[in-house]
mmCIF file of all heavy atoms, coordinates in Angstrom:
data_MODEL
# 
_entry.id   MODEL 
# 
loop_
_atom_site.group_PDB 
_atom_site.id 
_atom_site.type_symbol 
_atom_site.label_atom_id 
_atom_site.label_alt_id 
_atom_site.label_comp_id 
_atom_site.label_asym_id 
_atom_site.label_entity_id 
_atom_site.label_seq_id 
_atom_site.pdbx_PDB_ins_code 
_atom_site.Cartn_x 
_atom_site.Cartn_y 
_atom_site.Cartn_z 
_atom_site.occupancy 
_atom_site.B_iso_or_equiv 
_atom_site.pdbx_formal_charge 
_atom_site.auth_seq_id 
_atom_site.auth_comp_id 
_atom_site.auth_asym_id 
_atom_site.auth_atom_id 
_atom_site.pdbx_PDB_model_num 
ATOM 1   N N   . GLN A 1 1  ? -9.761  0.050   9.596  1.00 0.00 ? 1  GLN A N   1 
ATOM 2   C CA  . GLN A 1 1  ? -9.944  -0.035  8.149  1.00 0.00 ? 1  GLN A CA  1 
ATOM 3   C C   . GLN A 1 1  ? -9.681  -1.486  7.693  1.00 0.00 ? 1  GLN A C   1 
ATOM 4   O O   . GLN A 1 1  ? -10.404 -2.022  6.839  1.00 0.00 ? 1  GLN A O   1 
ATOM 5   C CB  . GLN A 1 1  ? -8.994  0.925   7.453  1.00 0.00 ? 1  GLN A CB  1 
ATOM 6   C CG  . GLN A 1 1  ? -9.406  2.391   7.634  1.00 0.00 ? 1  GLN A CG  1 
ATOM 7   C CD  . GLN A 1 1  ? -8.464  3.339   6.912  1.00 0.00 ? 1  GLN A CD  1 
ATOM 8   O OE1 . GLN A 1 1  ? -7.373  2.972   6.470  1.00 0.00 ? 1  GLN A OE1 1 
ATOM 9   N NE2 . GLN A 1 1  ? -8.898  4.581   6.792  1.00 0.00 ? 1  GLN A NE2 1 
ATOM 10  N N   . LEU A 1 2  ? -8.597  -2.090  8.227  1.00 0.00 ? 2  LEU A N   1 
ATOM 11  C CA  . LEU A 1 2  ? -8.316  -3.463  7.846  1.00 0.00 ? 2  LEU A CA  1 
ATOM 12  C C   . LEU A 1 2  ? -9.446  -4.434  8.212  1.00 0.00 ? 2  LEU A C   1 
ATOM 13  O O   . LEU A 1 2  ? -9.846  -5.299  7.388  1.00 0.00 ? 2  LEU A O   1 
ATOM 14  C CB  . LEU A 1 2  ? -7.048  -3.919  8.555  1.00 0.00 ? 2  LEU A CB  1 
ATOM 15  C CG  . LEU A 1 2  ? -5.703  -3.267  8.063  1.00 0.00 ? 2  LEU A CG  1 
ATOM 16  C CD1 . LEU A 1 2  ? -4.625  -3.540  9.045  1.00 0.00 ? 2  LEU A CD1 1 
ATOM 17  C CD2 . LEU A 1 2  ? -5.365  -3.804  6.689  1.00 0.00 ? 2  LEU A CD2 1 
ATOM 18  N N   . VAL A 1 3  ? -10.027 -4.232  9.377  1.00 0.00 ? 3  VAL A N   1 
ATOM 19  C CA  . VAL A 1 3  ? -11.167 -5.091  9.822  1.00 0.00 ? 3  VAL A CA  1 
ATOM 20  C C   . VAL A 1 3  ? -12.358 -4.866  8.951  1.00 0.00 ? 3  VAL A C   1 
ATOM 21  O O   . VAL A 1 3  ? -13.011 -5.814  8.503  1.00 0.00 ? 3  VAL A O   1 
ATOM 22  C CB  . VAL A 1 3  ? -11.466 -4.793  11.289 1.00 0.00 ? 3  VAL A CB  1 
ATOM 23  C CG1 . VAL A 1 3  ? -12.797 -5.485  11.734 1.00 0.00 ? 3  VAL A CG1 1 
ATOM 24  C CG2 . VAL A 1 3  ? -10.326 -5.283  12.183 1.00 0.00 ? 3  VAL A CG2 1 
ATOM 25  N N   . ARG A 1 4  ? -12.723 -3.617  8.684  1.00 0.00 ? 4  ARG A N   1 
ATOM 26  C CA  . ARG A 1 4  ? -13.879 -3.379  7.828  1.00 0.00 ? 4  ARG A CA  1 
ATOM 27  C C   . ARG A 1 4  ? -13.736 -3.937  6.423  1.00 0.00 ? 4  ARG A C   1 
ATOM 28  O O   . ARG A 1 4  ? -14.688 -4.407  5.804  1.00 0.00 ? 4  ARG A O   1 
ATOM 29  C CB  . ARG A 1 4  ? -14.159 -1.864  7.763  1.00 0.00 ? 4  ARG A CB  1 
ATOM 30  C CG  . ARG A 1 4  ? -14.588 -1.258  9.106  1.00 0.00 ? 4  ARG A CG  1 
ATOM 31  C CD  . ARG A 1 4  ? -15.244 0.099   8.878  1.00 0.00 ? 4  ARG A CD  1 
ATOM 32  N NE  . ARG A 1 4  ? -14.395 1.046   8.173  1.00 0.00 ? 4  ARG A NE  1 
ATOM 33  C CZ  . ARG A 1 4  ? -13.550 1.887   8.737  1.00 0.00 ? 4  ARG A CZ  1 
ATOM 34  N NH1 . ARG A 1 4  ? -13.448 1.885   10.082 1.00 0.00 ? 4  ARG A NH1 1 
ATOM 35  N NH2 . ARG A 1 4  ? -12.826 2.706   8.047  1.00 0.00 ? 4  ARG A NH2 1 
ATOM 36  N N   . ASP A 1 5  ? -12.486 -3.882  5.904  1.00 0.00 ? 5  ASP A N   1 
ATOM 37  C CA  . ASP A 1 5  ? -12.246 -4.348  4.557  1.00 0.00 ? 5  ASP A CA  1 
ATOM 38  C C   . ASP A 1 5  ? -12.005 -5.870  4.455  1.00 0.00 ? 5  ASP A C   1 
ATOM 39  O O   . ASP A 1 5  ? -12.271 -6.492  3.433  1.00 0.00 ? 5  ASP A O   1 
ATOM 40  C CB  . ASP A 1 5  ? -10.966 -3.678  3.978  1.00 0.00 ? 5  ASP A CB  1 
ATOM 41  C CG  . ASP A 1 5  ? -11.184 -2.178  3.739  1.00 0.00 ? 5  ASP A CG  1 
ATOM 42  O OD1 . ASP A 1 5  ? -12.351 -1.756  3.691  1.00 0.00 ? 5  ASP A OD1 1 
ATOM 43  O OD2 . ASP A 1 5  ? -10.169 -1.458  3.641  1.00 0.00 ? 5  ASP A OD2 1 
ATOM 44  N N   . GLY A 1 6  ? -11.560 -6.498  5.571  1.00 0.00 ? 6  GLY A N   1 
ATOM 45  C CA  . GLY A 1 6  ? -11.112 -7.881  5.506  1.00 0.00 ? 6  GLY A CA  1 
ATOM 46  C C   . GLY A 1 6  ? -11.964 -8.903  6.190  1.00 0.00 ? 6  GLY A C   1 
ATOM 47  O O   . GLY A 1 6  ? -11.803 -10.119 5.935  1.00 0.00 ? 6  GLY A O   1 
ATOM 48  N N   . ALA A 1 7  ? -12.832 -8.522  7.130  1.00 0.00 ? 7  ALA A N   1 
ATOM 49  C CA  . ALA A 1 7  ? -13.585 -9.493  7.905  1.00 0.00 ? 7  ALA A CA  1 
ATOM 50  C C   . ALA A 1 7  ? -14.903 -9.800  7.184  1.00 0.00 ? 7  ALA A C   1 
ATOM 51  O O   . ALA A 1 7  ? -15.475 -8.923  6.450  1.00 0.00 ? 7  ALA A O   1 
ATOM 52  C CB  . ALA A 1 7  ? -13.852 -8.929  9.286  1.00 0.00 ? 7  ALA A CB  1 
ATOM 53  N N   . ALA A 1 8  ? -15.405 -11.000 7.412  1.00 0.00 ? 8  ALA A N   1 
ATOM 54  C CA  . ALA A 1 8  ? -16.700 -11.419 6.839  1.00 0.00 ? 8  ALA A CA  1 
ATOM 55  C C   . ALA A 1 8  ? -17.808 -10.528 7.372  1.00 0.00 ? 8  ALA A C   1 
ATOM 56  O O   . ALA A 1 8  ? -18.716 -10.158 6.648  1.00 0.00 ? 8  ALA A O   1 
ATOM 57  C CB  . ALA A 1 8  ? -16.964 -12.867 7.148  1.00 0.00 ? 8  ALA A CB  1 
ATOM 58  N N   . SER A 1 9  ? -17.816 -10.224 8.673  1.00 0.00 ? 9  SER A N   1 
ATOM 59  C CA  . SER A 1 9  ? -18.682 -9.273  9.292  1.00 0.00 ? 9  SER A CA  1 
ATOM 60  C C   . SER A 1 9  ? -17.931 -8.729  10.500 1.00 0.00 ? 9  SER A C   1 
ATOM 61  O O   . SER A 1 9  ? -16.996 -9.355  10.965 1.00 0.00 ? 9  SER A O   1 
ATOM 62  C CB  . SER A 1 9  ? -20.026 -9.909  9.707  1.00 0.00 ? 9  SER A CB  1 
ATOM 63  O OG  . SER A 1 9  ? -19.799 -10.979 10.607 1.00 0.00 ? 9  SER A OG  1 
ATOM 64  N N   . TRP A 1 10 ? -18.331 -7.569  10.989 1.00 0.00 ? 10 TRP A N   1 
ATOM 65  C CA  . TRP A 1 10 ? -17.501 -6.954  12.029 1.00 0.00 ? 10 TRP A CA  1 
ATOM 66  C C   . TRP A 1 10 ? -18.291 -5.981  12.913 1.00 0.00 ? 10 TRP A C   1 
ATOM 67  O O   . TRP A 1 10 ? -19.305 -5.429  12.479 1.00 0.00 ? 10 TRP A O   1 
ATOM 68  C CB  . TRP A 1 10 ? -16.330 -6.189  11.400 1.00 0.00 ? 10 TRP A CB  1 
ATOM 69  C CG  . TRP A 1 10 ? -16.727 -5.256  10.256 1.00 0.00 ? 10 TRP A CG  1 
ATOM 70  C CD1 . TRP A 1 10 ? -16.724 -5.557  8.949  1.00 0.00 ? 10 TRP A CD1 1 
ATOM 71  C CD2 . TRP A 1 10 ? -17.172 -3.913  10.423 1.00 0.00 ? 10 TRP A CD2 1 
ATOM 72  N NE1 . TRP A 1 10 ? -17.166 -4.465  8.239  1.00 0.00 ? 10 TRP A NE1 1 
ATOM 73  C CE2 . TRP A 1 10 ? -17.422 -3.449  9.114  1.00 0.00 ? 10 TRP A CE2 1 
ATOM 74  C CE3 . TRP A 1 10 ? -17.423 -3.055  11.495 1.00 0.00 ? 10 TRP A CE3 1 
ATOM 75  C CZ2 . TRP A 1 10 ? -17.911 -2.164  8.848  1.00 0.00 ? 10 TRP A CZ2 1 
ATOM 76  C CZ3 . TRP A 1 10 ? -17.885 -1.749  11.264 1.00 0.00 ? 10 TRP A CZ3 1 
ATOM 77  C CH2 . TRP A 1 10 ? -18.107 -1.336  9.954  1.00 0.00 ? 10 TRP A CH2 1 
ATOM 78  N N   . THR A 1 11 ? -17.770 -5.864  14.122 1.00 0.00 ? 11 THR A N   1 
ATOM 79  C CA  . THR A 1 11 ? -18.189 -4.786  15.057 1.00 0.00 ? 11 THR A CA  1 
ATOM 80  C C   . THR A 1 11 ? -16.897 -4.055  15.459 1.00 0.00 ? 11 THR A C   1 
ATOM 81  O O   . THR A 1 11 ? -15.915 -4.697  15.826 1.00 0.00 ? 11 THR A O   1 
ATOM 82  C CB  . THR A 1 11 ? -18.784 -5.349  16.350 1.00 0.00 ? 11 THR A CB  1 
ATOM 83  O OG1 . THR A 1 11 ? -19.718 -6.382  16.034 1.00 0.00 ? 11 THR A OG1 1 
ATOM 84  C CG2 . THR A 1 11 ? -19.460 -4.279  17.166 1.00 0.00 ? 11 THR A CG2 1 
ATOM 85  N N   . VAL A 1 12 ? -16.929 -2.707  15.420 1.00 0.00 ? 12 VAL A N   1 
ATOM 86  C CA  . VAL A 1 12 ? -15.816 -1.934  15.916 1.00 0.00 ? 12 VAL A CA  1 
ATOM 87  C C   . VAL A 1 12 ? -16.304 -1.211  17.139 1.00 0.00 ? 12 VAL A C   1 
ATOM 88  O O   . VAL A 1 12 ? -17.334 -0.489  17.077 1.00 0.00 ? 12 VAL A O   1 
ATOM 89  C CB  . VAL A 1 12 ? -15.303 -0.918  14.888 1.00 0.00 ? 12 VAL A CB  1 
ATOM 90  C CG1 . VAL A 1 12 ? -14.324 0.060   15.520 1.00 0.00 ? 12 VAL A CG1 1 
ATOM 91  C CG2 . VAL A 1 12 ? -14.620 -1.644  13.721 1.00 0.00 ? 12 VAL A CG2 1 
ATOM 92  N N   . VAL A 1 13 ? -15.608 -1.409  18.268 1.00 0.00 ? 13 VAL A N   1 
ATOM 93  C CA  . VAL A 1 13 ? -15.966 -0.788  19.531 1.00 0.00 ? 13 VAL A CA  1 
ATOM 94  C C   . VAL A 1 13 ? -14.869 0.174   19.916 1.00 0.00 ? 13 VAL A C   1 
ATOM 95  O O   . VAL A 1 13 ? -13.679 -0.234  20.000 1.00 0.00 ? 13 VAL A O   1 
ATOM 96  C CB  . VAL A 1 13 ? -16.183 -1.829  20.633 1.00 0.00 ? 13 VAL A CB  1 
ATOM 97  C CG1 . VAL A 1 13 ? -16.477 -1.175  21.976 1.00 0.00 ? 13 VAL A CG1 1 
ATOM 98  C CG2 . VAL A 1 13 ? -17.318 -2.785  20.271 1.00 0.00 ? 13 VAL A CG2 1 
ATOM 99  N N   . ARG A 1 14 ? -15.188 1.433   20.154 1.00 0.00 ? 14 ARG A N   1 
ATOM 100 C CA  . ARG A 1 14 ? -14.186 2.426   20.532 1.00 0.00 ? 14 ARG A CA  1 
ATOM 101 C C   . ARG A 1 14 ? -14.400 2.835   21.996 1.00 0.00 ? 14 ARG A C   1 
ATOM 102 O O   . ARG A 1 14 ? -15.187 3.770   22.309 1.00 0.00 ? 14 ARG A O   1 
ATOM 103 C CB  . ARG A 1 14 ? -14.341 3.683   19.655 1.00 0.00 ? 14 ARG A CB  1 
ATOM 104 C CG  . ARG A 1 14 ? -14.070 3.397   18.179 1.00 0.00 ? 14 ARG A CG  1 
ATOM 105 C CD  . ARG A 1 14 ? -14.496 4.617   17.301 1.00 0.00 ? 14 ARG A CD  1 
ATOM 106 N NE  . ARG A 1 14 ? -14.137 4.364   15.896 1.00 0.00 ? 14 ARG A NE  1 
ATOM 107 C CZ  . ARG A 1 14 ? -14.675 5.042   14.879 1.00 0.00 ? 14 ARG A CZ  1 
ATOM 108 N NH1 . ARG A 1 14 ? -15.533 6.013   15.126 1.00 0.00 ? 14 ARG A NH1 1 
ATOM 109 N NH2 . ARG A 1 14 ? -14.267 4.801   13.644 1.00 0.00 ? 14 ARG A NH2 1 
ATOM 110 N N   . PRO A 1 15 ? -13.721 2.215   22.958 1.00 0.00 ? 15 PRO A N   1 
ATOM 111 C CA  . PRO A 1 15 ? -13.927 2.580   24.364 1.00 0.00 ? 15 PRO A CA  1 
ATOM 112 C C   . PRO A 1 15 ? -13.204 3.873   24.704 1.00 0.00 ? 15 PRO A C   1 
ATOM 113 O O   . PRO A 1 15 ? -12.287 4.318   24.002 1.00 0.00 ? 15 PRO A O   1 
ATOM 114 C CB  . PRO A 1 15 ? -13.260 1.410   25.110 1.00 0.00 ? 15 PRO A CB  1 
ATOM 115 C CG  . PRO A 1 15 ? -13.048 0.344   24.092 1.00 0.00 ? 15 PRO A CG  1 
ATOM 116 C CD  . PRO A 1 15 ? -12.893 1.022   22.809 1.00 0.00 ? 15 PRO A CD  1 
ATOM 117 N N   . GLY A 1 16 ? -13.708 4.476   25.813 1.00 0.00 ? 16 GLY A N   1 
ATOM 118 C CA  . GLY A 1 16 ? -13.003 5.566   26.414 1.00 0.00 ? 16 GLY A CA  1 
ATOM 119 C C   . GLY A 1 16 ? -12.185 5.033   27.552 1.00 0.00 ? 16 GLY A C   1 
ATOM 120 O O   . GLY A 1 16 ? -11.447 4.057   27.383 1.00 0.00 ? 16 GLY A O   1 
ATOM 121 N N   . LEU A 1 17 ? -12.364 5.595   28.748 1.00 0.00 ? 17 LEU A N   1 
ATOM 122 C CA  . LEU A 1 17 ? -11.609 5.124   29.904 1.00 0.00 ? 17 LEU A CA  1 
ATOM 123 C C   . LEU A 1 17 ? -12.243 3.892   30.473 1.00 0.00 ? 17 LEU A C   1 
ATOM 124 O O   . LEU A 1 17 ? -13.350 3.915   31.034 1.00 0.00 ? 17 LEU A O   1 
ATOM 125 C CB  . LEU A 1 17 ? -11.547 6.232   30.956 1.00 0.00 ? 17 LEU A CB  1 
ATOM 126 C CG  . LEU A 1 17 ? -10.785 5.889   32.267 1.00 0.00 ? 17 LEU A CG  1 
ATOM 127 C CD1 . LEU A 1 17 ? -9.370  5.485   31.987 1.00 0.00 ? 17 LEU A CD1 1 
ATOM 128 C CD2 . LEU A 1 17 ? -10.819 7.068   33.260 1.00 0.00 ? 17 LEU A CD2 1 
ATOM 129 N N   . ILE A 1 18 ? -11.531 2.746   30.416 1.00 0.00 ? 18 ILE A N   1 
ATOM 130 C CA  . ILE A 1 18 ? -12.012 1.464   30.959 1.00 0.00 ? 18 ILE A CA  1 
ATOM 131 C C   . ILE A 1 18 ? -11.458 1.350   32.376 1.00 0.00 ? 18 ILE A C   1 
ATOM 132 O O   . ILE A 1 18 ? -10.252 1.564   32.606 1.00 0.00 ? 18 ILE A O   1 
ATOM 133 C CB  . ILE A 1 18 ? -11.491 0.300   30.082 1.00 0.00 ? 18 ILE A CB  1 
ATOM 134 C CG1 . ILE A 1 18 ? -11.799 0.543   28.624 1.00 0.00 ? 18 ILE A CG1 1 
ATOM 135 C CG2 . ILE A 1 18 ? -12.118 -0.999  30.544 1.00 0.00 ? 18 ILE A CG2 1 
ATOM 136 C CD1 . ILE A 1 18 ? -11.187 -0.503  27.680 1.00 0.00 ? 18 ILE A CD1 1 
ATOM 137 N N   . VAL A 1 19 ? -12.350 0.991   33.291 1.00 0.00 ? 19 VAL A N   1 
ATOM 138 C CA  . VAL A 1 19 ? -11.989 0.962   34.711 1.00 0.00 ? 19 VAL A CA  1 
ATOM 139 C C   . VAL A 1 19 ? -12.462 -0.299  35.322 1.00 0.00 ? 19 VAL A C   1 
ATOM 140 O O   . VAL A 1 19 ? -13.135 -1.119  34.739 1.00 0.00 ? 19 VAL A O   1 
ATOM 141 C CB  . VAL A 1 19 ? -12.602 2.188   35.439 1.00 0.00 ? 19 VAL A CB  1 
ATOM 142 C CG1 . VAL A 1 19 ? -12.162 3.493   34.788 1.00 0.00 ? 19 VAL A CG1 1 
ATOM 143 C CG2 . VAL A 1 19 ? -14.148 2.111   35.437 1.00 0.00 ? 19 VAL A CG2 1 
ATOM 144 N N   . GLY A 1 20 ? -12.079 -0.498  36.608 1.00 0.00 ? 20 GLY A N   1 
ATOM 145 C CA  . GLY A 1 20 ? -12.505 -1.682  37.359 1.00 0.00 ? 20 GLY A CA  1 
ATOM 146 C C   . GLY A 1 20 ? -11.382 -2.574  37.806 1.00 0.00 ? 20 GLY A C   1 
ATOM 147 O O   . GLY A 1 20 ? -10.187 -2.266  37.607 1.00 0.00 ? 20 GLY A O   1 
ATOM 148 N N   . PRO A 1 21 ? -11.718 -3.659  38.501 1.00 0.00 ? 21 PRO A N   1 
ATOM 149 C CA  . PRO A 1 21 ? -10.699 -4.571  38.984 1.00 0.00 ? 21 PRO A CA  1 
ATOM 150 C C   . PRO A 1 21 ? -9.763  -5.097  37.868 1.00 0.00 ? 21 PRO A C   1 
ATOM 151 O O   . PRO A 1 21 ? -10.241 -5.400  36.802 1.00 0.00 ? 21 PRO A O   1 
ATOM 152 C CB  . PRO A 1 21 ? -11.503 -5.712  39.587 1.00 0.00 ? 21 PRO A CB  1 
ATOM 153 C CG  . PRO A 1 21 ? -12.873 -5.087  39.892 1.00 0.00 ? 21 PRO A CG  1 
ATOM 154 C CD  . PRO A 1 21 ? -13.085 -4.059  38.819 1.00 0.00 ? 21 PRO A CD  1 
ATOM 155 N N   . GLY A 1 22 ? -8.481  -5.078  38.158 1.00 0.00 ? 22 GLY A N   1 
ATOM 156 C CA  . GLY A 1 22 ? -7.503  -5.569  37.205 1.00 0.00 ? 22 GLY A CA  1 
ATOM 157 C C   . GLY A 1 22 ? -6.964  -4.471  36.300 1.00 0.00 ? 22 GLY A C   1 
ATOM 158 O O   . GLY A 1 22 ? -6.145  -4.767  35.407 1.00 0.00 ? 22 GLY A O   1 
ATOM 159 N N   . ASP A 1 23 ? -7.332  -3.233  36.489 1.00 0.00 ? 23 ASP A N   1 
ATOM 160 C CA  . ASP A 1 23 ? -6.921  -2.137  35.633 1.00 0.00 ? 23 ASP A CA  1 
ATOM 161 C C   . ASP A 1 23 ? -5.411  -1.980  35.668 1.00 0.00 ? 23 ASP A C   1 
ATOM 162 O O   . ASP A 1 23 ? -4.804  -1.682  36.703 1.00 0.00 ? 23 ASP A O   1 
ATOM 163 C CB  . ASP A 1 23 ? -7.533  -0.831  36.104 1.00 0.00 ? 23 ASP A CB  1 
ATOM 164 C CG  . ASP A 1 23 ? -7.146  0.358   35.286 1.00 0.00 ? 23 ASP A CG  1 
ATOM 165 O OD1 . ASP A 1 23 ? -6.444  0.227   34.254 1.00 0.00 ? 23 ASP A OD1 1 
ATOM 166 O OD2 . ASP A 1 23 ? -7.560  1.511   35.660 1.00 0.00 ? 23 ASP A OD2 1 
ATOM 167 N N   . PRO A 1 24 ? -4.683  -2.199  34.512 1.00 0.00 ? 24 PRO A N   1 
ATOM 168 C CA  . PRO A 1 24 ? -3.271  -2.098  34.501 1.00 0.00 ? 24 PRO A CA  1 
ATOM 169 C C   . PRO A 1 24 ? -2.735  -0.662  34.496 1.00 0.00 ? 24 PRO A C   1 
ATOM 170 O O   . PRO A 1 24 ? -1.551  -0.418  34.719 1.00 0.00 ? 24 PRO A O   1 
ATOM 171 C CB  . PRO A 1 24 ? -2.841  -2.825  33.230 1.00 0.00 ? 24 PRO A CB  1 
ATOM 172 C CG  . PRO A 1 24 ? -4.005  -2.658  32.320 1.00 0.00 ? 24 PRO A CG  1 
ATOM 173 C CD  . PRO A 1 24 ? -5.243  -2.658  33.233 1.00 0.00 ? 24 PRO A CD  1 
ATOM 174 N N   . SER A 1 25 ? -3.633  0.296   34.222 1.00 0.00 ? 25 SER A N   1 
ATOM 175 C CA  . SER A 1 25 ? -3.183  1.697   34.170 1.00 0.00 ? 25 SER A CA  1 
ATOM 176 C C   . SER A 1 25 ? -3.175  2.392   35.509 1.00 0.00 ? 25 SER A C   1 
ATOM 177 O O   . SER A 1 25 ? -2.394  3.306   35.732 1.00 0.00 ? 25 SER A O   1 
ATOM 178 C CB  . SER A 1 25 ? -4.069  2.484   33.194 1.00 0.00 ? 25 SER A CB  1 
ATOM 179 O OG  . SER A 1 25 ? -5.322  2.799   33.832 1.00 0.00 ? 25 SER A OG  1 
ATOM 180 N N   . GLY A 1 26 ? -4.067  1.942   36.423 1.00 0.00 ? 26 GLY A N   1 
ATOM 181 C CA  . GLY A 1 26 ? -4.121  2.549   37.740 1.00 0.00 ? 26 GLY A CA  1 
ATOM 182 C C   . GLY A 1 26 ? -4.757  3.921   37.791 1.00 0.00 ? 26 GLY A C   1 
ATOM 183 O O   . GLY A 1 26 ? -4.751  4.610   38.851 1.00 0.00 ? 26 GLY A O   1 
ATOM 184 N N   . ARG A 1 27 ? -5.341  4.391   36.708 1.00 0.00 ? 27 ARG A N   1 
ATOM 185 C CA  . ARG A 1 27 ? -5.860  5.743   36.669 1.00 0.00 ? 27 ARG A CA  1 
ATOM 186 C C   . ARG A 1 27 ? -7.104  5.892   37.550 1.00 0.00 ? 27 ARG A C   1 
ATOM 187 O O   . ARG A 1 27 ? -7.162  6.761   38.440 1.00 0.00 ? 27 ARG A O   1 
ATOM 188 C CB  . ARG A 1 27 ? -6.220  6.166   35.230 1.00 0.00 ? 27 ARG A CB  1 
ATOM 189 C CG  . ARG A 1 27 ? -5.027  6.462   34.378 1.00 0.00 ? 27 ARG A CG  1 
ATOM 190 C CD  . ARG A 1 27 ? -5.389  6.656   32.941 1.00 0.00 ? 27 ARG A CD  1 
ATOM 191 N NE  . ARG A 1 27 ? -5.790  5.392   32.309 1.00 0.00 ? 27 ARG A NE  1 
ATOM 192 C CZ  . ARG A 1 27 ? -5.982  5.269   30.975 1.00 0.00 ? 27 ARG A CZ  1 
ATOM 193 N NH1 . ARG A 1 27 ? -5.861  6.282   30.194 1.00 0.00 ? 27 ARG A NH1 1 
ATOM 194 N NH2 . ARG A 1 27 ? -6.302  4.090   30.487 1.00 0.00 ? 27 ARG A NH2 1 
ATOM 195 N N   . PHE A 1 28 ? -8.105  5.053   37.348 1.00 0.00 ? 28 PHE A N   1 
ATOM 196 C CA  . PHE A 1 28 ? -9.269  5.093   38.159 1.00 0.00 ? 28 PHE A CA  1 
ATOM 197 C C   . PHE A 1 28 ? -8.989  4.617   39.551 1.00 0.00 ? 28 PHE A C   1 
ATOM 198 O O   . PHE A 1 28 ? -9.562  5.109   40.556 1.00 0.00 ? 28 PHE A O   1 
ATOM 199 C CB  . PHE A 1 28 ? -10.413 4.296   37.523 1.00 0.00 ? 28 PHE A CB  1 
ATOM 200 C CG  . PHE A 1 28 ? -11.700 4.275   38.291 1.00 0.00 ? 28 PHE A CG  1 
ATOM 201 C CD1 . PHE A 1 28 ? -12.597 5.306   38.210 1.00 0.00 ? 28 PHE A CD1 1 
ATOM 202 C CD2 . PHE A 1 28 ? -11.994 3.216   39.112 1.00 0.00 ? 28 PHE A CD2 1 
ATOM 203 C CE1 . PHE A 1 28 ? -13.784 5.331   38.894 1.00 0.00 ? 28 PHE A CE1 1 
ATOM 204 C CE2 . PHE A 1 28 ? -13.217 3.204   39.800 1.00 0.00 ? 28 PHE A CE2 1 
ATOM 205 C CZ  . PHE A 1 28 ? -14.090 4.235   39.725 1.00 0.00 ? 28 PHE A CZ  1 
# 
């Protein structure tokens, strides 16, 4: 909400499970 109200223009990206090299969660 802050970004939509305060930025000149904006993209909001809502990821799910992010995976790959460097993953700090270790799930995948």
